[in-house]
Amino acid sequence: METPKIQLGYLESISKVLALKPENLATERYAIWQLFQQADEGTFYQLAPHLFVTTSQEDPIVVSELDATPEGYLLFKELVEEERVCL
């Protein structure tokens, strides 16, 4: 059995942290992607409550929260560097 590749995703509530209207999230994907690429550890901790990782790509998609820990930050950076982000 193949190990599923996890991906990074974000909740609509991230719009509050980024001062965006929720209806603008789809049009601001590129800006969010750039923020993820430039995020330092402090920025990650602000975003973490609004982030999740997928643990399954099958229906139904299974997700789990991304912990606001140093390990969570390392996983976040790895997923962003590998461009495994659900925008």
N, C-alpha and C. Protein backbone atom coordinates (compact mmCIF):
# COMPACT_ATOMS: atom_id res chain seq x y z
N MET A 1 0.85 -1.18 0.00
CA MET A 1 0.00 0.00 0.00
C MET A 1 0.89 1.24 0.00
N GLU A 2 0.55 2.21 -0.82
CA GLU A 2 1.32 3.43 -0.97
C GLU A 2 1.05 4.38 0.20
N THR A 3 2.11 5.00 0.73
CA THR A 3 1.96 5.98 1.79
C THR A 3 1.38 7.27 1.20
N PRO A 4 0.28 7.76 1.76
CA PRO A 4 -0.31 8.97 1.20
C PRO A 4 0.59 10.17 1.44
N LYS A 5 0.66 11.05 0.43
CA LYS A 5 1.41 12.29 0.59
C LYS A 5 0.52 13.31 1.26
N ILE A 6 1.01 13.84 2.35
CA ILE A 6 0.21 14.85 3.03
C ILE A 6 0.38 16.19 2.33
N GLN A 7 -0.62 17.03 2.47
CA GLN A 7 -0.60 18.37 1.91
C GLN A 7 -1.03 19.36 2.97
N LEU A 8 -0.58 20.58 2.80
CA LEU A 8 -0.92 21.67 3.70
C LEU A 8 -2.16 22.38 3.16
N GLY A 9 -3.05 22.72 4.04
CA GLY A 9 -4.24 23.48 3.66
C GLY A 9 -4.54 24.52 4.72
N TYR A 10 -5.50 25.38 4.43
CA TYR A 10 -5.87 26.41 5.40
C TYR A 10 -7.38 26.58 5.45
N LEU A 11 -7.84 26.99 6.62
CA LEU A 11 -9.26 27.24 6.83
C LEU A 11 -9.61 28.65 6.39
N GLU A 12 -10.87 28.87 6.13
CA GLU A 12 -11.36 30.19 5.74
C GLU A 12 -11.05 31.23 6.81
N SER A 13 -10.95 30.79 8.06
CA SER A 13 -10.67 31.72 9.16
C SER A 13 -9.31 32.40 9.04
N ILE A 14 -8.43 31.90 8.18
CA ILE A 14 -7.13 32.55 7.98
C ILE A 14 -7.31 33.97 7.46
N SER A 15 -8.47 34.24 6.88
CA SER A 15 -8.73 35.58 6.35
C SER A 15 -8.67 36.64 7.46
N LYS A 16 -9.04 36.26 8.69
CA LYS A 16 -8.99 37.22 9.80
C LYS A 16 -7.55 37.61 10.11
N VAL A 17 -6.65 36.66 10.13
CA VAL A 17 -5.24 36.93 10.42
C VAL A 17 -4.62 37.77 9.31
N LEU A 18 -5.05 37.52 8.08
CA LEU A 18 -4.47 38.21 6.92
C LEU A 18 -5.23 39.47 6.54
N ALA A 19 -6.24 39.82 7.32
CA ALA A 19 -7.07 41.00 7.07
C ALA A 19 -7.67 40.98 5.67
N LEU A 20 -8.20 39.82 5.29
CA LEU A 20 -8.89 39.65 4.01
C LEU A 20 -10.35 39.36 4.26
N LYS A 21 -11.17 39.69 3.31
CA LYS A 21 -12.57 39.28 3.38
C LYS A 21 -12.61 37.81 2.96
N PRO A 22 -13.37 36.98 3.65
CA PRO A 22 -13.43 35.55 3.29
C PRO A 22 -13.75 35.32 1.81
N GLU A 23 -14.57 36.18 1.22
CA GLU A 23 -14.92 35.99 -0.19
C GLU A 23 -13.74 36.29 -1.12
N ASN A 24 -12.68 36.92 -0.61
CA ASN A 24 -11.51 37.22 -1.43
C ASN A 24 -10.42 36.15 -1.35
N LEU A 25 -10.63 35.11 -0.55
CA LEU A 25 -9.59 34.09 -0.39
C LEU A 25 -9.20 33.45 -1.72
N ALA A 26 -10.17 33.17 -2.54
CA ALA A 26 -9.87 32.51 -3.82
C ALA A 26 -9.02 33.40 -4.72
N THR A 27 -9.28 34.69 -4.70
CA THR A 27 -8.52 35.59 -5.57
C THR A 27 -7.16 35.97 -4.98
N GLU A 28 -6.97 35.72 -3.70
CA GLU A 28 -5.71 36.06 -3.04
C GLU A 28 -4.79 34.85 -2.85
N ARG A 29 -5.06 33.76 -3.56
CA ARG A 29 -4.25 32.54 -3.39
C ARG A 29 -2.77 32.78 -3.61
N TYR A 30 -2.42 33.56 -4.62
CA TYR A 30 -1.02 33.80 -4.91
C TYR A 30 -0.35 34.55 -3.76
N ALA A 31 -1.03 35.54 -3.20
CA ALA A 31 -0.49 36.30 -2.08
C ALA A 31 -0.32 35.40 -0.85
N ILE A 32 -1.28 34.51 -0.63
CA ILE A 32 -1.17 33.57 0.49
C ILE A 32 0.00 32.64 0.27
N TRP A 33 0.17 32.16 -0.96
CA TRP A 33 1.30 31.29 -1.29
C TRP A 33 2.61 32.01 -1.03
N GLN A 34 2.73 33.27 -1.43
CA GLN A 34 3.95 34.04 -1.19
C GLN A 34 4.21 34.20 0.31
N LEU A 35 3.16 34.45 1.06
CA LEU A 35 3.30 34.57 2.51
C LEU A 35 3.82 33.27 3.10
N PHE A 36 3.27 32.15 2.67
CA PHE A 36 3.74 30.85 3.17
C PHE A 36 5.23 30.67 2.86
N GLN A 37 5.65 31.04 1.67
CA GLN A 37 7.04 30.87 1.28
C GLN A 37 7.97 31.75 2.12
N GLN A 38 7.51 32.90 2.55
CA GLN A 38 8.34 33.85 3.29
C GLN A 38 8.17 33.75 4.80
N ALA A 39 7.26 32.92 5.25
CA ALA A 39 6.92 32.87 6.67
C ALA A 39 8.08 32.39 7.53
N ASP A 40 8.34 33.16 8.58
CA ASP A 40 9.31 32.72 9.56
C ASP A 40 8.54 31.99 10.67
N GLU A 41 9.25 31.58 11.70
CA GLU A 41 8.61 30.80 12.75
C GLU A 41 7.53 31.60 13.47
N GLY A 42 7.77 32.88 13.71
CA GLY A 42 6.77 33.72 14.37
C GLY A 42 5.49 33.83 13.57
N THR A 43 5.63 34.02 12.27
CA THR A 43 4.46 34.09 11.38
C THR A 43 3.72 32.76 11.39
N PHE A 44 4.48 31.67 11.36
CA PHE A 44 3.85 30.35 11.40
C PHE A 44 2.96 30.21 12.63
N TYR A 45 3.45 30.63 13.78
CA TYR A 45 2.66 30.48 15.01
C TYR A 45 1.37 31.30 14.96
N GLN A 46 1.36 32.41 14.24
CA GLN A 46 0.13 33.19 14.07
C GLN A 46 -0.83 32.48 13.12
N LEU A 47 -0.28 31.81 12.11
CA LEU A 47 -1.11 31.12 11.12
C LEU A 47 -1.57 29.73 11.56
N ALA A 48 -0.80 29.10 12.43
CA ALA A 48 -1.02 27.68 12.77
C ALA A 48 -2.46 27.32 13.15
N PRO A 49 -3.17 28.13 13.93
CA PRO A 49 -4.55 27.74 14.27
C PRO A 49 -5.47 27.63 13.06
N HIS A 50 -5.04 28.14 11.92
CA HIS A 50 -5.86 28.15 10.71
C HIS A 50 -5.34 27.18 9.65
N LEU A 51 -4.33 26.39 10.00
CA LEU A 51 -3.71 25.45 9.06
C LEU A 51 -4.07 24.02 9.40
N PHE A 52 -4.06 23.17 8.38
CA PHE A 52 -4.26 21.74 8.59
C PHE A 52 -3.44 20.98 7.57
N VAL A 53 -3.29 19.69 7.81
CA VAL A 53 -2.65 18.81 6.84
C VAL A 53 -3.64 17.71 6.47
N THR A 54 -3.64 17.37 5.20
CA THR A 54 -4.47 16.26 4.75
C THR A 54 -3.71 14.98 5.02
N THR A 55 -4.41 13.97 5.48
CA THR A 55 -3.76 12.68 5.71
C THR A 55 -4.29 11.63 4.76
N SER A 56 -5.23 12.01 3.91
CA SER A 56 -5.81 11.11 2.92
C SER A 56 -6.28 11.93 1.73
N GLN A 57 -6.05 11.43 0.55
CA GLN A 57 -6.52 12.10 -0.66
C GLN A 57 -7.80 11.45 -1.19
N GLU A 58 -8.21 10.38 -0.56
CA GLU A 58 -9.42 9.64 -0.96
C GLU A 58 -10.65 10.34 -0.38
N ASP A 59 -11.80 10.03 -0.95
CA ASP A 59 -13.05 10.52 -0.39
C ASP A 59 -13.45 9.63 0.77
N PRO A 60 -13.78 10.10 1.92
CA PRO A 60 -13.69 11.50 2.33
C PRO A 60 -12.25 11.87 2.66
N ILE A 61 -11.89 13.10 2.40
CA ILE A 61 -10.55 13.59 2.72
C ILE A 61 -10.45 13.72 4.23
N VAL A 62 -9.36 13.20 4.78
CA VAL A 62 -9.15 13.25 6.22
C VAL A 62 -8.07 14.29 6.50
N VAL A 63 -8.35 15.15 7.46
CA VAL A 63 -7.39 16.20 7.81
C VAL A 63 -7.10 16.15 9.30
N SER A 64 -5.97 16.73 9.67
CA SER A 64 -5.65 16.90 11.08
C SER A 64 -5.01 18.27 11.25
N GLU A 65 -5.10 18.79 12.46
CA GLU A 65 -4.55 20.13 12.69
C GLU A 65 -3.03 20.09 12.61
N LEU A 66 -2.47 21.21 12.26
CA LEU A 66 -1.02 21.36 12.23
C LEU A 66 -0.64 22.03 13.54
N ASP A 67 0.06 21.30 14.38
CA ASP A 67 0.40 21.79 15.71
C ASP A 67 1.32 23.00 15.66
N ALA A 68 1.06 23.96 16.53
CA ALA A 68 1.89 25.15 16.66
C ALA A 68 3.08 24.82 17.56
N THR A 69 3.99 24.02 17.03
CA THR A 69 5.19 23.56 17.73
C THR A 69 6.38 23.71 16.80
N PRO A 70 7.59 23.62 17.33
CA PRO A 70 8.76 23.65 16.44
C PRO A 70 8.70 22.54 15.38
N GLU A 71 8.17 21.37 15.74
CA GLU A 71 8.03 20.27 14.78
C GLU A 71 7.00 20.62 13.72
N GLY A 72 5.91 21.26 14.14
CA GLY A 72 4.88 21.71 13.19
C GLY A 72 5.43 22.72 12.22
N TYR A 73 6.29 23.61 12.71
CA TYR A 73 6.93 24.60 11.85
C TYR A 73 7.82 23.92 10.81
N LEU A 74 8.58 22.92 11.23
CA LEU A 74 9.45 22.19 10.29
C LEU A 74 8.62 21.48 9.23
N LEU A 75 7.50 20.89 9.62
CA LEU A 75 6.62 20.22 8.66
C LEU A 75 6.03 21.26 7.70
N PHE A 76 5.60 22.40 8.23
CA PHE A 76 5.07 23.48 7.41
C PHE A 76 6.10 23.90 6.35
N LYS A 77 7.33 24.15 6.76
CA LYS A 77 8.38 24.57 5.83
C LYS A 77 8.65 23.49 4.78
N GLU A 78 8.66 22.23 5.22
CA GLU A 78 8.89 21.12 4.28
C GLU A 78 7.79 21.06 3.22
N LEU A 79 6.54 21.16 3.65
CA LEU A 79 5.42 21.09 2.71
C LEU A 79 5.43 22.27 1.75
N VAL A 80 5.78 23.45 2.23
CA VAL A 80 5.84 24.63 1.37
C VAL A 80 6.99 24.48 0.37
N GLU A 81 8.15 24.05 0.85
CA GLU A 81 9.30 23.88 -0.05
C GLU A 81 9.03 22.85 -1.14
N GLU A 82 8.27 21.81 -0.80
CA GLU A 82 7.93 20.77 -1.78
C GLU A 82 6.67 21.12 -2.56
N GLU A 83 6.13 22.31 -2.32
CA GLU A 83 4.93 22.80 -3.01
C GLU A 83 3.74 21.85 -2.86
N ARG A 84 3.60 21.30 -1.66
CA ARG A 84 2.48 20.42 -1.35
C ARG A 84 1.46 21.20 -0.52
N VAL A 85 0.86 22.17 -1.20
CA VAL A 85 -0.09 23.08 -0.54
C VAL A 85 -1.39 23.08 -1.34
N CYS A 86 -2.50 22.94 -0.62
CA CYS A 86 -3.82 23.03 -1.26
C CYS A 86 -4.24 24.50 -1.21
N LEU A 87 -4.18 25.14 -2.34
CA LEU A 87 -4.60 26.54 -2.40
C LEU A 87 -5.97 26.56 -2.97
